[in-house]
Every structure is written in structure tokens, then in C-alpha cells.
Amino acid sequence: MVKERKLYLDLLRIIAIIFVIYNHTSEKGYYLYAFDCSMPFKIIYMSTGALIAVAVPIFFMISGSLLIPKEESLKDLYLKRVLRMVIVLAVFSVIQYAFNVIVNKEELSIQFFFKNILTDNIIPAYWYLYAYIAYLICLPFLRKLAKNMSNAEFKYLFILFVIIEGVFSLVLYVLYQGGYNSFFVIPFFNRIVIYPLLGYYMEHRVEESRYNVKGMLKWILLMIIVIALIVAMSIYRNLPYEEFTIYDKGLFTTGFTIILDVGVFYIAKMIFKQRKANKGVSFILTALGSTVFGVYLTENIIRNYTVGVYDYLASVVGRFIAAWIWCTLVFLIGAVIIYIIKLIPGVKKIL
């Protein structure tokens, strides 16, 4: 018997990958707030940046909700999951490197390739593959942890994360312009631990009756407060463009983002709990959702070849709207390509 596909997880996958693509638009869309613009627009751009930070954690939450409850041997874990991701990383790193050599005229160097695939990554976006492999290796421990934790202990972990990574970090920055002692490390707060556990908790420990309109409105309000806080602190910090890092890109991102992730997950699940999707919507969500991983692996190439769409639209509707249209187009083109490729025997198991 084939299990019914959870459509809200496909919706979350689609939202998350479009957010990831938007994150990769850099100065064309994602951090427009770094350049001269009036305060109302700066607030809109920063609010958008704060919201799309949910993307990668959502992927870990989805995986945690699906994989943590499974029972499988170490042999199956490594042969079915870890090996698959290693193959994907190797194959697509070769594809990306070949693309850079052929199209971008980079010098071909086998030594450079192996050095980078082992110590860094061929393209920046592939950091997620390394993190995901680490998460898969940790799955046996996460499964035992999740199985034996009480709901109260789950709540303690998540509240502690918000207090230390959110409230504590904010207070220390306001008072001293810095963070807490670097030796004060809580391993449970690593994204490959806390977000899979959060996804498991939201899916398997929160009662279905708790997903309701009243609860959704509460989470929307909390999300608005968190986004406002991130925007206010980003403006307060006023980090120059030259000091942007690859991770925060000028935004004051902290543990408060976990509240946005819970809100997005809650809203998506609540929507599909309240009403049953018709066959057409189900097919579209399932088809698009099944292509998300493949789109992630190839979206940078599609972006490079469709940047002309953004350039044209930017002069017509402005850069912000143009970037969102462009990202949606990149996803749809990628989804069609991956959907067709997955029809090839054997490919579906990899992508």
C-alpha cells in the first residue's frame, strides 16, 4: 500500500527552494537594502530577507519529520541514504566544474577539483550537501534522542535555543556590540540537530487539534514581531556592505529565526488540515515538490542563463518584483527539466 503524500510538505519544499533561489540573487534582489533606498523600501527588503532565512531550516525540518521516525539498520542508512548523497555530491560537482571550465573558461585542474570537493565545495550552494551528509550520519543518535525525549524536554530545548541564540545574543550586542564567549557551545543548537528534531516534534508530537485558525493567527503575530525585531536590529547595527558575511549578509540573524520556521511549518500544515486539495492541485504540488532537490542542484546554471529576464523586468517593474518573478521562473524551468530527467530509469532514485 502506497502512503498518501503529505501535500503540505511539498508546499513547504516549493516555498523553501524559491526562497533559496531568491537568496542567491544577491544584489539583484536579496540584499537590495544594502544600497541607497528610502526607509520604507529598506524595511520591505530587510523583512523579506529575514523571512527567507527559513528556507534551509525548513528542509532539515521536513527531513527530520520523515526520517527520524523510521527504523533502519546502519547498513541500510549508509547504502540507501549516505551513499546516495555522496554520489549526488560527486556527480553534480563534476557537472558544475565542467560547466565552469567549458562556459566560464576556468583552467582545468584535476588537483584543484579534488582539493575543493574534499576540503571546500565546488559551488558555494553545495555546502548544504555536506551538512546533510553529516546529518544523515547522525541520524541513529537523533532517532534514539527523539524517541526518548518527552514533550516537555523538546519544549525546553527549543525555548533554550530562542533564549540563548536569540534573546541573549540580542542583549549582549545592544550592551557590548558583541556575542557570548566562544567556548560556551551547546552542540544541540547545531542546525543538523535542532531543526530535524523540531520537524519531528511538529509532525509527530504536536496534536492535530492544535493546528487551527486561532493557533495560525498567533503564529502570524509572532512572526511579524520577530521580523520587526530583526529589521530593527539590522538597522541599529547598520553593518556596511563591505562587512557583509556570506551567512548574514548584513541582517541581524539570530535564534529568533526558529520562530519563523515553526510559523511557516504550522501554517502550511494547518491549511491542508482544514481543507482537502482537489486532484489538480495535488498533482501540481506533488509534481513540483518531487523536483525540488534536482532544482537546488542546478538552479545556479539556470539563473545564469535567464538573467536577461531579470534585466528586462527590472526596468519595467523594478528590481524587487523582477527578482521574485525571475526566481519563480528559474524554479519552474528547473522543475520541468528535472521532471523530464527523472523519467529516465534509475535517475529518480538519485534525484
Protein backbone atom coordinates (compact mmCIF):
# COMPACT_ATOMS: atom_id res chain seq x y z
CA MET A 1 0.00 0.00 0.00
CA VAL A 2 1.42 3.38 -1.06
CA LYS A 3 1.31 6.03 1.63
CA GLU A 4 -0.59 9.19 0.78
CA ARG A 5 1.84 12.01 0.07
CA LYS A 6 1.75 14.88 2.55
CA LEU A 7 0.97 17.86 0.34
CA TYR A 8 1.90 20.47 2.92
CA LEU A 9 5.45 19.10 2.89
CA ASP A 10 5.54 19.56 -0.90
CA LEU A 11 4.24 23.10 -0.45
CA LEU A 12 7.00 23.75 2.11
CA ARG A 13 9.61 22.31 -0.28
CA ILE A 14 8.43 24.62 -3.08
CA ILE A 15 8.39 27.69 -0.82
CA ALA A 16 11.83 26.84 0.57
CA ILE A 17 13.51 26.32 -2.82
CA ILE A 18 12.13 29.59 -4.21
CA PHE A 19 13.44 31.31 -1.08
CA VAL A 20 16.84 29.65 -1.63
CA ILE A 21 16.92 30.88 -5.24
CA TYR A 22 15.97 34.38 -4.09
CA ASN A 23 18.78 34.26 -1.53
CA HIS A 24 21.18 33.62 -4.41
CA THR A 25 20.09 36.75 -6.30
CA SER A 26 22.46 38.79 -4.10
CA GLU A 27 22.46 42.48 -5.01
CA LYS A 28 19.82 41.94 -7.71
CA GLY A 29 17.19 41.21 -5.07
CA TYR A 30 18.15 39.67 -1.76
CA TYR A 31 20.19 42.49 -0.27
CA LEU A 32 18.82 45.50 -2.08
CA TYR A 33 18.63 47.03 1.41
CA ALA A 34 22.43 47.44 1.30
CA PHE A 35 22.14 50.15 -1.35
CA ASP A 36 20.59 53.59 -1.39
CA CYS A 37 16.83 53.35 -0.98
CA SER A 38 14.19 55.08 1.13
CA MET A 39 13.46 53.67 4.58
CA PRO A 40 10.06 52.12 3.65
CA PHE A 41 11.71 50.08 0.88
CA LYS A 42 14.68 49.21 3.11
CA ILE A 43 12.23 47.80 5.68
CA ILE A 44 10.43 45.76 2.98
CA TYR A 45 13.70 44.37 1.63
CA MET A 46 15.02 43.54 5.12
CA SER A 47 11.71 41.93 6.12
CA THR A 48 11.90 39.75 3.03
CA GLY A 49 15.48 38.78 3.83
CA ALA A 50 14.51 37.89 7.39
CA LEU A 51 11.63 35.71 6.20
CA ILE A 52 13.52 33.75 3.57
CA ALA A 53 16.06 32.71 6.22
CA VAL A 54 13.57 29.93 6.99
CA ALA A 55 14.48 28.10 3.76
CA VAL A 56 17.31 25.75 4.74
CA PRO A 57 15.96 25.02 8.25
CA ILE A 58 12.64 24.06 6.63
CA PHE A 59 14.46 21.43 4.54
CA PHE A 60 16.03 19.98 7.69
CA MET A 61 12.63 20.08 9.43
CA ILE A 62 10.99 18.17 6.58
CA SER A 63 13.75 15.57 6.62
CA GLY A 64 13.51 15.20 10.39
CA SER A 65 9.75 14.75 10.24
CA LEU A 66 10.15 11.95 7.67
CA LEU A 67 13.39 10.18 8.56
CA ILE A 68 13.67 10.32 12.36
CA PRO A 69 10.64 8.02 12.92
CA LYS A 70 11.99 5.39 10.52
CA GLU A 71 13.60 2.17 11.75
CA GLU A 72 16.58 1.06 9.64
CA SER A 73 19.94 -0.59 10.13
CA LEU A 74 23.24 1.23 9.79
CA LYS A 75 23.83 -0.76 6.60
CA ASP A 76 20.58 0.50 5.06
CA LEU A 77 21.27 4.04 6.25
CA TYR A 78 24.64 4.11 4.52
CA LEU A 79 23.66 2.22 1.37
CA LYS A 80 20.31 3.94 0.77
CA ARG A 81 20.92 7.45 2.10
CA VAL A 82 24.54 8.40 2.78
CA LEU A 83 25.86 6.74 -0.39
CA ARG A 84 23.14 8.40 -2.47
CA MET A 85 24.12 11.86 -1.19
CA VAL A 86 27.82 11.19 -1.72
CA ILE A 87 27.09 10.12 -5.32
CA VAL A 88 24.96 13.23 -5.88
CA LEU A 89 27.69 15.46 -4.45
CA ALA A 90 30.36 13.85 -6.63
CA VAL A 91 28.34 13.77 -9.87
CA PHE A 92 26.99 17.30 -9.65
CA SER A 93 30.31 18.72 -8.50
CA VAL A 94 31.79 17.26 -11.70
CA ILE A 95 28.94 18.76 -13.75
CA GLN A 96 29.36 22.17 -12.12
CA TYR A 97 33.14 22.13 -12.53
CA ALA A 98 32.86 21.06 -16.18
CA PHE A 99 30.38 23.89 -16.73
CA ASN A 100 32.84 26.39 -15.22
CA VAL A 101 35.68 25.08 -17.36
CA ILE A 102 33.71 25.00 -20.64
CA VAL A 103 31.48 28.05 -20.25
CA ASN A 104 33.32 30.28 -17.78
CA LYS A 105 36.76 29.35 -19.22
CA GLU A 106 38.23 28.28 -15.89
CA GLU A 107 41.53 26.39 -16.05
CA LEU A 108 41.11 22.62 -15.91
CA SER A 109 42.90 21.16 -12.89
CA ILE A 110 42.15 17.70 -11.51
CA GLN A 111 44.16 18.55 -8.39
CA PHE A 112 42.09 21.71 -7.83
CA PHE A 113 38.86 19.73 -8.26
CA PHE A 114 39.70 17.02 -5.73
CA LYS A 115 41.13 19.52 -3.27
CA ASN A 116 37.96 21.59 -3.38
CA ILE A 117 35.47 18.74 -3.29
CA LEU A 118 37.24 17.29 -0.24
CA THR A 119 38.04 20.47 1.69
CA ASP A 120 35.52 23.04 0.46
CA ASN A 121 32.83 22.89 -2.24
CA ILE A 122 32.77 23.41 -5.99
CA ILE A 123 29.98 25.97 -5.76
CA PRO A 124 29.02 27.77 -2.51
CA ALA A 125 25.42 26.46 -2.52
CA TYR A 126 26.63 22.88 -2.18
CA TRP A 127 27.55 23.47 1.48
CA TYR A 128 24.10 22.05 2.20
CA LEU A 129 25.06 18.65 0.77
CA TYR A 130 27.98 18.37 3.17
CA ALA A 131 25.77 19.41 6.08
CA TYR A 132 23.07 16.95 5.02
CA ILE A 133 25.56 14.07 4.84
CA ALA A 134 26.67 14.96 8.38
CA TYR A 135 23.02 14.95 9.45
CA LEU A 136 22.44 11.51 7.90
CA ILE A 137 25.48 10.12 9.74
CA CYS A 138 23.97 11.45 12.99
CA LEU A 139 20.51 10.01 12.32
CA PRO A 140 20.89 6.90 14.55
CA PHE A 141 21.59 9.16 17.53
CA LEU A 142 18.85 11.64 16.65
CA ARG A 143 16.36 8.77 16.41
CA LYS A 144 17.20 7.50 19.89
CA LEU A 145 17.18 11.04 21.23
CA ALA A 146 13.78 11.90 19.73
CA LYS A 147 12.23 8.58 20.77
CA ASN A 148 13.22 9.04 24.41
CA MET A 149 12.62 12.77 24.83
CA SER A 150 9.40 13.90 26.47
CA ASN A 151 7.36 16.75 25.01
CA ALA A 152 8.48 18.90 27.94
CA GLU A 153 12.13 18.21 27.06
CA PHE A 154 11.51 19.13 23.42
CA LYS A 155 9.96 22.42 24.52
CA TYR A 156 12.86 23.03 26.90
CA LEU A 157 15.35 22.57 24.05
CA PHE A 158 13.53 24.93 21.68
CA ILE A 159 12.91 27.61 24.33
CA LEU A 160 16.54 27.38 25.43
CA PHE A 161 17.62 27.89 21.82
CA VAL A 162 15.49 31.04 21.48
CA ILE A 163 16.74 32.43 24.80
CA ILE A 164 20.45 31.79 24.24
CA GLU A 165 20.72 32.25 20.47
CA GLY A 166 18.05 34.95 20.31
CA VAL A 167 17.43 36.95 23.47
CA PHE A 168 20.91 36.52 24.97
CA SER A 169 22.65 37.38 21.69
CA LEU A 170 20.48 40.45 21.20
CA VAL A 171 21.06 41.79 24.73
CA LEU A 172 24.82 41.24 24.54
CA TYR A 173 25.00 43.01 21.19
CA VAL A 174 23.00 46.03 22.40
CA LEU A 175 25.08 46.32 25.57
CA TYR A 176 28.54 45.38 24.30
CA GLN A 177 28.38 45.14 20.47
CA GLY A 178 29.47 41.52 20.68
CA GLY A 179 28.40 37.94 21.29
CA TYR A 180 28.83 35.48 24.14
CA ASN A 181 32.02 33.58 24.97
CA SER A 182 33.05 31.34 22.07
CA PHE A 183 33.76 28.45 24.48
CA PHE A 184 30.10 28.45 25.55
CA VAL A 185 28.97 25.92 22.94
CA ILE A 186 25.80 23.83 23.04
CA PRO A 187 26.04 21.09 20.35
CA PHE A 188 22.26 20.59 20.37
CA PHE A 189 21.94 24.02 18.75
CA ASN A 190 23.66 22.90 15.55
CA ARG A 191 21.25 23.15 12.61
CA ILE A 192 21.68 19.44 11.74
CA VAL A 193 20.40 18.59 15.22
CA ILE A 194 17.84 21.13 16.34
CA TYR A 195 15.91 21.60 13.09
CA PRO A 196 15.39 17.88 12.34
CA LEU A 197 14.24 17.46 15.95
CA LEU A 198 11.93 20.45 15.52
CA GLY A 199 10.44 18.95 12.36
CA TYR A 200 9.92 15.63 14.15
CA TYR A 201 8.26 17.40 17.07
CA MET A 202 5.94 19.49 14.87
CA GLU A 203 4.88 16.44 12.86
CA HIS A 204 4.67 13.70 15.48
CA ARG A 205 4.35 15.30 18.92
CA VAL A 206 2.01 18.24 18.32
CA GLU A 207 -1.58 17.01 18.35
CA GLU A 208 -3.59 17.52 15.17
CA SER A 209 -6.20 19.50 17.13
CA ARG A 210 -3.52 22.10 17.91
CA TYR A 211 -3.37 23.04 14.24
CA ASN A 212 -6.24 25.51 13.96
CA VAL A 213 -7.06 29.01 12.75
CA LYS A 214 -6.62 30.54 16.21
CA GLY A 215 -3.18 28.99 16.51
CA MET A 216 -2.28 30.17 13.00
CA LEU A 217 -3.18 33.76 13.86
CA LYS A 218 -0.98 33.57 16.97
CA TRP A 219 1.98 32.34 14.94
CA ILE A 220 1.45 35.00 12.28
CA LEU A 221 1.54 37.66 15.01
CA LEU A 222 4.70 36.15 16.48
CA MET A 223 6.30 36.06 13.03
CA ILE A 224 5.51 39.74 12.45
CA ILE A 225 7.07 40.62 15.82
CA VAL A 226 10.21 38.58 15.05
CA ILE A 227 10.63 40.09 11.58
CA ALA A 228 10.17 43.59 13.05
CA LEU A 229 12.81 42.80 15.68
CA ILE A 230 15.30 41.51 13.09
CA VAL A 231 14.73 44.58 10.90
CA ALA A 232 15.09 46.98 13.85
CA MET A 233 18.32 45.33 14.99
CA SER A 234 19.70 45.25 11.43
CA ILE A 235 19.07 48.99 11.09
CA TYR A 236 20.56 49.58 14.55
CA ARG A 237 23.70 47.59 13.70
CA ASN A 238 23.96 49.33 10.31
CA LEU A 239 26.61 46.94 9.00
CA PRO A 240 28.45 48.38 5.97
CA TYR A 241 28.19 46.43 2.73
CA GLU A 242 31.93 45.76 2.84
CA GLU A 243 31.49 43.85 6.12
CA PHE A 244 28.68 41.57 4.94
CA THR A 245 29.41 37.89 5.52
CA ILE A 246 28.26 35.05 3.29
CA TYR A 247 25.92 33.96 6.10
CA ASP A 248 24.11 37.03 7.47
CA LYS A 249 24.55 39.42 4.51
CA GLY A 250 24.10 42.39 6.81
CA LEU A 251 20.98 41.15 8.60
CA PHE A 252 20.95 40.66 12.36
CA THR A 253 20.05 36.98 12.11
CA THR A 254 19.77 35.09 15.41
CA GLY A 255 17.95 32.20 17.03
CA PHE A 256 14.69 34.09 16.60
CA THR A 257 14.54 32.66 13.07
CA ILE A 258 13.39 29.36 14.56
CA ILE A 259 10.08 31.06 15.42
CA LEU A 260 9.61 31.93 11.75
CA ASP A 261 10.31 28.32 10.79
CA VAL A 262 7.74 27.00 13.23
CA GLY A 263 5.22 29.55 11.96
CA VAL A 264 5.72 28.65 8.30
CA PHE A 265 5.51 24.90 9.04
CA TYR A 266 2.42 25.40 11.21
CA ILE A 267 0.57 27.49 8.61
CA ALA A 268 1.31 25.07 5.76
CA LYS A 269 0.15 22.06 7.76
CA MET A 270 -2.92 23.86 9.07
CA ILE A 271 -4.03 24.86 5.56
CA PHE A 272 -4.09 21.25 4.36
CA LYS A 273 -5.63 20.04 7.61
CA GLN A 274 -8.58 22.40 7.15
CA ARG A 275 -9.36 21.52 3.55
CA LYS A 276 -8.65 18.69 1.14
CA ALA A 277 -6.89 19.66 -2.10
CA ASN A 278 -8.52 18.65 -5.39
CA LYS A 279 -6.76 16.30 -7.79
CA GLY A 280 -5.37 19.11 -9.93
CA VAL A 281 -3.74 20.93 -7.01
CA SER A 282 -2.50 17.62 -5.59
CA PHE A 283 -0.87 16.69 -8.91
CA ILE A 284 0.81 20.08 -9.31
CA LEU A 285 2.15 20.17 -5.76
CA THR A 286 3.34 16.57 -5.93
CA ALA A 287 4.99 17.03 -9.33
CA LEU A 288 6.71 20.29 -8.39
CA GLY A 289 7.64 19.08 -4.91
CA SER A 290 9.32 15.98 -6.30
CA THR A 291 11.69 18.14 -8.39
CA VAL A 292 12.93 20.46 -5.63
CA PHE A 293 16.16 18.61 -4.85
CA GLY A 294 17.12 18.50 -8.52
CA VAL A 295 16.30 22.19 -8.93
CA TYR A 296 18.55 23.01 -5.97
CA LEU A 297 21.42 21.16 -7.67
CA THR A 298 21.05 23.02 -10.97
CA GLU A 299 19.43 26.39 -10.24
CA ASN A 300 22.65 28.40 -10.44
CA ILE A 301 23.13 27.37 -14.09
CA ILE A 302 19.51 28.20 -14.95
CA ARG A 303 19.86 31.56 -13.18
CA ASN A 304 22.93 32.43 -15.21
CA TYR A 305 21.14 31.66 -18.48
CA THR A 306 17.95 33.55 -17.60
CA VAL A 307 19.45 36.67 -16.06
CA GLY A 308 18.28 38.59 -19.14
CA VAL A 309 14.70 38.13 -17.92
CA TYR A 310 15.62 39.93 -14.70
CA ASP A 311 17.45 42.71 -16.56
CA TYR A 312 14.40 43.36 -18.74
CA LEU A 313 11.83 43.19 -15.95
CA ALA A 314 13.91 45.35 -13.58
CA SER A 315 13.46 48.30 -15.93
CA VAL A 316 9.72 47.67 -16.14
CA VAL A 317 8.55 46.65 -12.65
CA GLY A 318 11.60 47.41 -10.50
CA ARG A 319 14.35 45.18 -9.17
CA PHE A 320 12.49 43.72 -6.19
CA ILE A 321 9.47 42.41 -8.12
CA ALA A 322 11.69 41.45 -11.07
CA ALA A 323 13.83 39.31 -8.76
CA TRP A 324 10.80 37.39 -7.46
CA ILE A 325 9.43 36.79 -10.97
CA TRP A 326 12.88 35.69 -12.08
CA CYS A 327 13.25 33.27 -9.15
CA THR A 328 9.82 31.75 -9.78
CA LEU A 329 10.69 31.33 -13.46
CA VAL A 330 14.02 29.70 -12.58
CA PHE A 331 12.20 27.24 -10.35
CA LEU A 332 9.55 26.39 -12.94
CA ILE A 333 12.11 25.90 -15.73
CA GLY A 334 14.22 23.76 -13.43
CA ALA A 335 11.18 21.78 -12.30
CA VAL A 336 10.20 20.93 -15.88
CA ILE A 337 13.77 19.88 -16.75
CA ILE A 338 14.17 17.74 -13.61
CA TYR A 339 10.70 16.20 -14.01
CA ILE A 340 11.63 15.04 -17.52
CA ILE A 341 15.10 13.85 -16.48
CA LYS A 342 13.59 11.80 -13.65
CA LEU A 343 11.65 9.78 -16.23
CA ILE A 344 14.98 8.19 -17.19
CA PRO A 345 15.26 4.77 -15.48
CA GLY A 346 17.39 4.91 -12.35
CA VAL A 347 17.62 8.70 -12.16
CA LYS A 348 14.55 9.02 -9.94
CA LYS A 349 16.29 7.14 -7.15
CA ILE A 350 19.12 9.69 -7.16
CA LEU A 351 17.13 12.90 -7.57
